[in-house]
PDB file of N, CA and C in Angstrom:
ATOM      1  N   MET A   1     -26.879  65.874  10.462  1.00  0.00           N
ATOM      2  CA  MET A   1     -26.374  64.341  10.818  1.00  0.00           C
ATOM      3  C   MET A   1     -27.042  64.098  12.037  1.00  0.00           C
ATOM      4  N   LYS A   2     -27.416  63.054  12.220  1.00  0.00           N
ATOM      5  CA  LYS A   2     -27.737  62.182  13.674  1.00  0.00           C
ATOM      6  C   LYS A   2     -26.685  61.774  14.221  1.00  0.00           C
ATOM      7  N   THR A   3     -26.734  61.928  15.525  1.00  0.00           N
ATOM      8  CA  THR A   3     -26.201  61.595  16.688  1.00  0.00           C
ATOM      9  C   THR A   3     -26.124  59.900  16.739  1.00  0.00           C
ATOM     10  N   CYS A   4     -25.284  59.437  17.584  1.00  0.00           N
ATOM     11  CA  CYS A   4     -25.526  57.817  17.536  1.00  0.00           C
ATOM     12  C   CYS A   4     -26.781  57.748  18.786  1.00  0.00           C
ATOM     13  N   LYS A   5     -26.715  58.606  19.691  1.00  0.00           N
ATOM     14  CA  LYS A   5     -27.807  58.591  20.462  1.00  0.00           C
ATOM     15  C   LYS A   5     -29.324  58.648  19.720  1.00  0.00           C
ATOM     16  N   GLU A   6     -29.040  59.463  19.302  1.00  0.00           N
ATOM     17  CA  GLU A   6     -30.423  59.556  17.888  1.00  0.00           C
ATOM     18  C   GLU A   6     -30.848  58.557  17.425  1.00  0.00           C
ATOM     19  N   VAL A   7     -29.672  57.900  16.696  1.00  0.00           N
ATOM     20  CA  VAL A   7     -29.648  56.865  15.861  1.00  0.00           C
ATOM     21  C   VAL A   7     -30.334  55.467  16.581  1.00  0.00           C
ATOM     22  N   HIS A   8     -29.601  55.195  17.896  1.00  0.00           N
ATOM     23  CA  HIS A   8     -29.976  54.401  18.792  1.00  0.00           C
ATOM     24  C   HIS A   8     -31.444  54.560  19.117  1.00  0.00           C
ATOM     25  N   ARG A   9     -31.913  55.338  19.210  1.00  0.00           N
ATOM     26  CA  ARG A   9     -33.391  55.600  19.358  1.00  0.00           C
ATOM     27  C   ARG A   9     -34.593  55.371  18.280  1.00  0.00           C
ATOM     28  N   LEU A  10     -33.926  55.814  17.138  1.00  0.00           N
ATOM     29  CA  LEU A  10     -34.539  55.543  16.204  1.00  0.00           C
ATOM     30  C   LEU A  10     -34.558  54.168  15.258  1.00  0.00           C
ATOM     31  N   VAL A  11     -33.621  53.254  15.998  1.00  0.00           N
ATOM     32  CA  VAL A  11     -33.521  52.086  15.605  1.00  0.00           C
ATOM     33  C   VAL A  11     -34.341  51.452  16.497  1.00  0.00           C
ATOM     34  N   ILE A  12     -34.480  51.315  17.613  1.00  0.00           N
ATOM     35  CA  ILE A  12     -35.632  50.713  18.293  1.00  0.00           C
ATOM     36  C   ILE A  12     -36.952  51.212  18.092  1.00  0.00           C
ATOM     37  N   GLU A  13     -37.255  52.502  17.822  1.00  0.00           N
ATOM     38  CA  GLU A  13     -38.460  52.827  17.444  1.00  0.00           C
ATOM     39  C   GLU A  13     -39.104  52.254  16.050  1.00  0.00           C
ATOM     40  N   GLY A  14     -37.846  52.111  15.030  1.00  0.00           N
ATOM     41  CA  GLY A  14     -38.096  51.338  13.812  1.00  0.00           C
ATOM     42  C   GLY A  14     -38.447  50.180  13.975  1.00  0.00           C
ATOM     43  N   GLN A  15     -38.271  49.413  14.780  1.00  0.00           N
ATOM     44  CA  GLN A  15     -38.708  48.300  15.131  1.00  0.00           C
ATOM     45  C   GLN A  15     -40.018  47.824  15.417  1.00  0.00           C
ATOM     46  N   ASP A  16     -40.666  48.972  16.087  1.00  0.00           N
ATOM     47  CA  ASP A  16     -42.025  49.186  16.583  1.00  0.00           C
ATOM     48  C   ASP A  16     -42.926  49.616  15.338  1.00  0.00           C
ATOM     49  N   ARG A  17     -42.634  50.730  14.659  1.00  0.00           N
ATOM     50  CA  ARG A  17     -43.273  51.315  13.573  1.00  0.00           C
ATOM     51  C   ARG A  17     -42.461  51.752  12.519  1.00  0.00           C
ATOM     52  N   THR A  18     -43.241  52.074  11.485  1.00  0.00           N
ATOM     53  CA  THR A  18     -42.760  52.465  10.064  1.00  0.00           C
ATOM     54  C   THR A  18     -41.972  53.817  10.382  1.00  0.00           C
ATOM     55  N   LEU A  19     -40.815  54.187  10.523  1.00  0.00           N
ATOM     56  CA  LEU A  19     -40.430  55.712  10.706  1.00  0.00           C
ATOM     57  C   LEU A  19     -40.845  56.250   9.209  1.00  0.00           C
ATOM     58  N   PRO A  20     -40.855  57.492   9.366  1.00  0.00           N
ATOM     59  CA  PRO A  20     -41.006  58.629   8.387  1.00  0.00           C
ATOM     60  C   PRO A  20     -39.578  58.501   7.239  1.00  0.00           C
ATOM     61  N   LEU A  21     -39.883  58.509   6.146  1.00  0.00           N
ATOM     62  CA  LEU A  21     -38.937  58.516   5.222  1.00  0.00           C
ATOM     63  C   LEU A  21     -37.420  59.315   5.587  1.00  0.00           C
ATOM     64  N   SER A  22     -37.856  60.674   5.776  1.00  0.00           N
ATOM     65  CA  SER A  22     -36.450  61.324   6.361  1.00  0.00           C
ATOM     66  C   SER A  22     -35.573  60.849   7.571  1.00  0.00           C
ATOM     67  N   HIS A  23     -36.459  60.118   8.363  1.00  0.00           N
ATOM     68  CA  HIS A  23     -35.457  59.259   9.478  1.00  0.00           C
ATOM     69  C   HIS A  23     -35.024  58.248   8.750  1.00  0.00           C
ATOM     70  N   ARG A  24     -35.570  57.381   8.216  1.00  0.00           N
ATOM     71  CA  ARG A  24     -35.331  55.880   7.363  1.00  0.00           C
ATOM     72  C   ARG A  24     -33.551  56.249   6.703  1.00  0.00           C
ATOM     73  N   ILE A  25     -33.757  57.538   6.208  1.00  0.00           N
ATOM     74  CA  ILE A  25     -32.710  57.902   5.174  1.00  0.00           C
ATOM     75  C   ILE A  25     -31.419  58.470   5.905  1.00  0.00           C
ATOM     76  N   ALA A  26     -31.951  59.276   6.991  1.00  0.00           N
ATOM     77  CA  ALA A  26     -30.761  59.675   8.106  1.00  0.00           C
ATOM     78  C   ALA A  26     -30.269  58.619   8.946  1.00  0.00           C
ATOM     79  N   VAL A  27     -30.868  57.533   9.443  1.00  0.00           N
ATOM     80  CA  VAL A  27     -30.585  56.252  10.069  1.00  0.00           C
ATOM     81  C   VAL A  27     -29.393  55.379   9.020  1.00  0.00           C
ATOM     82  N   ARG A  28     -29.840  55.468   7.617  1.00  0.00           N
ATOM     83  CA  ARG A  28     -29.224  54.478   6.840  1.00  0.00           C
ATOM     84  C   ARG A  28     -27.703  55.438   6.537  1.00  0.00           C
ATOM     85  N   LEU A  29     -27.778  56.644   6.348  1.00  0.00           N
ATOM     86  CA  LEU A  29     -26.865  57.300   6.289  1.00  0.00           C
ATOM     87  C   LEU A  29     -25.594  57.177   7.357  1.00  0.00           C
ATOM     88  N   HIS A  30     -26.244  57.320   8.663  1.00  0.00           N
ATOM     89  CA  HIS A  30     -25.385  57.208   9.650  1.00  0.00           C
ATOM     90  C   HIS A  30     -24.791  55.928   9.750  1.00  0.00           C
ATOM     91  N   LEU A  31     -25.623  54.634   9.752  1.00  0.00           N
ATOM     92  CA  LEU A  31     -25.162  53.477   9.725  1.00  0.00           C
ATOM     93  C   LEU A  31     -24.157  53.334   8.703  1.00  0.00           C
ATOM     94  N   MET A  32     -23.912  53.789   7.539  1.00  0.00           N
ATOM     95  CA  MET A  32     -23.050  53.615   6.379  1.00  0.00           C
ATOM     96  C   MET A  32     -21.441  54.178   7.242  1.00  0.00           C
ATOM     97  N   MET A  33     -21.616  54.836   7.939  1.00  0.00           N
ATOM     98  CA  MET A  33     -20.405  55.555   8.702  1.00  0.00           C
ATOM     99  C   MET A  33     -19.729  55.152   9.853  1.00  0.00           C
ATOM    100  N   CYS A  34     -21.039  54.739  10.773  1.00  0.00           N
ATOM    101  CA  CYS A  34     -20.629  54.022  11.996  1.00  0.00           C
ATOM    102  C   CYS A  34     -20.661  52.886  12.356  1.00  0.00           C
ATOM    103  N   SER A  35     -19.606  52.140  12.702  1.00  0.00           N
ATOM    104  CA  SER A  35     -19.597  50.745  12.981  1.00  0.00           C
ATOM    105  C   SER A  35     -20.077  50.337  14.083  1.00  0.00           C
ATOM    106  N   ALA A  36     -20.044  51.184  15.026  1.00  0.00           N
ATOM    107  CA  ALA A  36     -20.676  50.806  16.492  1.00  0.00           C
ATOM    108  C   ALA A  36     -22.400  51.064  16.376  1.00  0.00           C
ATOM    109  N   CYS A  37     -22.822  51.919  15.750  1.00  0.00           N
ATOM    110  CA  CYS A  37     -24.305  51.856  15.292  1.00  0.00           C
ATOM    111  C   CYS A  37     -24.909  50.775  14.597  1.00  0.00           C
ATOM    112  N   ARG A  38     -23.954  50.292  13.741  1.00  0.00           N
ATOM    113  CA  ARG A  38     -24.026  49.077  12.757  1.00  0.00           C
ATOM    114  C   ARG A  38     -24.189  47.782  13.781  1.00  0.00           C
ATOM    115  N   ARG A  39     -23.626  47.977  14.860  1.00  0.00           N
ATOM    116  CA  ARG A  39     -23.561  46.721  15.707  1.00  0.00           C
ATOM    117  C   ARG A  39     -24.659  46.714  16.919  1.00  0.00           C
ATOM    118  N   PHE A  40     -24.957  47.982  17.038  1.00  0.00           N
ATOM    119  CA  PHE A  40     -26.018  48.172  17.774  1.00  0.00           C
ATOM    120  C   PHE A  40     -27.693  47.638  16.763  1.00  0.00           C
ATOM    121  N   GLU A  41     -27.606  48.012  16.012  1.00  0.00           N
ATOM    122  CA  GLU A  41     -28.655  47.614  14.865  1.00  0.00           C
ATOM    123  C   GLU A  41     -28.564  46.278  14.915  1.00  0.00           C
ATOM    124  N   ALA A  42     -27.340  45.395  14.798  1.00  0.00           N
ATOM    125  CA  ALA A  42     -27.579  44.030  14.535  1.00  0.00           C
ATOM    126  C   ALA A  42     -27.898  43.118  15.980  1.00  0.00           C
ATOM    127  N   GLN A  43     -27.281  43.879  17.012  1.00  0.00           N
ATOM    128  CA  GLN A  43     -27.730  43.343  18.085  1.00  0.00           C
ATOM    129  C   GLN A  43     -29.420  43.532  18.366  1.00  0.00           C
ATOM    130  N   MET A  44     -29.842  44.600  18.032  1.00  0.00           N
ATOM    131  CA  MET A  44     -31.187  44.733  18.222  1.00  0.00           C
ATOM    132  C   MET A  44     -32.394  43.695  17.465  1.00  0.00           C
ATOM    133  N   ASN A  45     -31.519  43.630  16.137  1.00  0.00           N
ATOM    134  CA  ASN A  45     -32.284  42.693  15.195  1.00  0.00           C
ATOM    135  C   ASN A  45     -32.145  41.181  16.026  1.00  0.00           C
ATOM    136  N   LEU A  46     -31.273  40.918  16.449  1.00  0.00           N
ATOM    137  CA  LEU A  46     -30.843  39.551  17.048  1.00  0.00           C
ATOM    138  C   LEU A  46     -31.793  39.375  18.163  1.00  0.00           C
ATOM    139  N   LEU A  47     -31.497  40.412  18.940  1.00  0.00           N
ATOM    140  CA  LEU A  47     -32.547  40.297  20.166  1.00  0.00           C
ATOM    141  C   LEU A  47     -33.905  40.112  20.228  1.00  0.00           C
ATOM    142  N   ARG A  48     -34.331  41.023  19.203  1.00  0.00           N
ATOM    143  CA  ARG A  48     -35.949  40.764  18.528  1.00  0.00           C
ATOM    144  C   ARG A  48     -36.064  39.389  17.967  1.00  0.00           C
ATOM    145  N   GLN A  49     -35.096  38.782  17.260  1.00  0.00           N
ATOM    146  CA  GLN A  49     -35.802  37.514  16.843  1.00  0.00           C
ATOM    147  C   GLN A  49     -35.574  36.696  17.752  1.00  0.00           C
ATOM    148  N   ALA A  50     -34.760  36.914  18.950  1.00  0.00           N
ATOM    149  CA  ALA A  50     -34.764  35.666  19.731  1.00  0.00           C
ATOM    150  C   ALA A  50     -36.029  35.826  20.857  1.00  0.00           C
ATOM    151  N   LEU A  51     -36.422  37.235  21.043  1.00  0.00           N
ATOM    152  CA  LEU A  51     -37.751  37.184  21.486  1.00  0.00           C
ATOM    153  C   LEU A  51     -39.102  36.716  20.897  1.00  0.00           C
ATOM    154  N   ARG A  52     -38.686  36.610  19.878  1.00  0.00           N
ATOM    155  CA  ARG A  52     -40.085  36.527  18.811  1.00  0.00           C
ATOM    156  C   ARG A  52     -40.077  35.070  19.005  1.00  0.00           C
ATOM    157  N   ARG A  53     -38.984  33.986  19.260  1.00  0.00           N
ATOM    158  CA  ARG A  53     -38.920  32.401  19.218  1.00  0.00           C
ATOM    159  C   ARG A  53     -39.141  32.026  20.554  1.00  0.00           C
ATOM    160  N   PHE A  54     -39.021  33.147  21.628  1.00  0.00           N
ATOM    161  CA  PHE A  54     -39.262  32.744  23.341  1.00  0.00           C
ATOM    162  C   PHE A  54     -40.691  32.519  23.339  1.00  0.00           C
ATOM    163  N   PRO A  55     -40.915  31.193  23.505  1.00  0.00           N
ATOM    164  CA  PRO A  55     -42.490  30.803  24.230  1.00  0.00           C
ATOM    165  C   PRO A  55     -42.987  31.778  25.145  1.00  0.00           C
ATOM    166  N   GLY A  56     -44.488  32.226  24.871  1.00  0.00           N
ATOM    167  CA  GLY A  56     -45.054  33.210  26.131  1.00  0.00           C
ATOM    168  C   GLY A  56     -45.576  32.188  26.954  1.00  0.00           C
ATOM    169  N   ASP A  57     -46.018  33.068  27.980  1.00  0.00           N
ATOM    170  CA  ASP A  57     -46.769  32.186  29.284  1.00  0.00           C
ATOM    171  C   ASP A  57     -48.034  31.890  29.150  1.00  0.00           C
TER     172      ASP A  57
END
């Protein structure tokens, strides 16, 4: 089982590239049991969406 710290790292990495299947499964399993990490993932997704809408210089 992955720790919250490992899942946070994988959530961030997963936004930039496709994670291996084993990592994706481990993250999903952890997220099913950990509300704090679910909130972290939601916050990262919201931040990423906001940054995509932000006009570049």
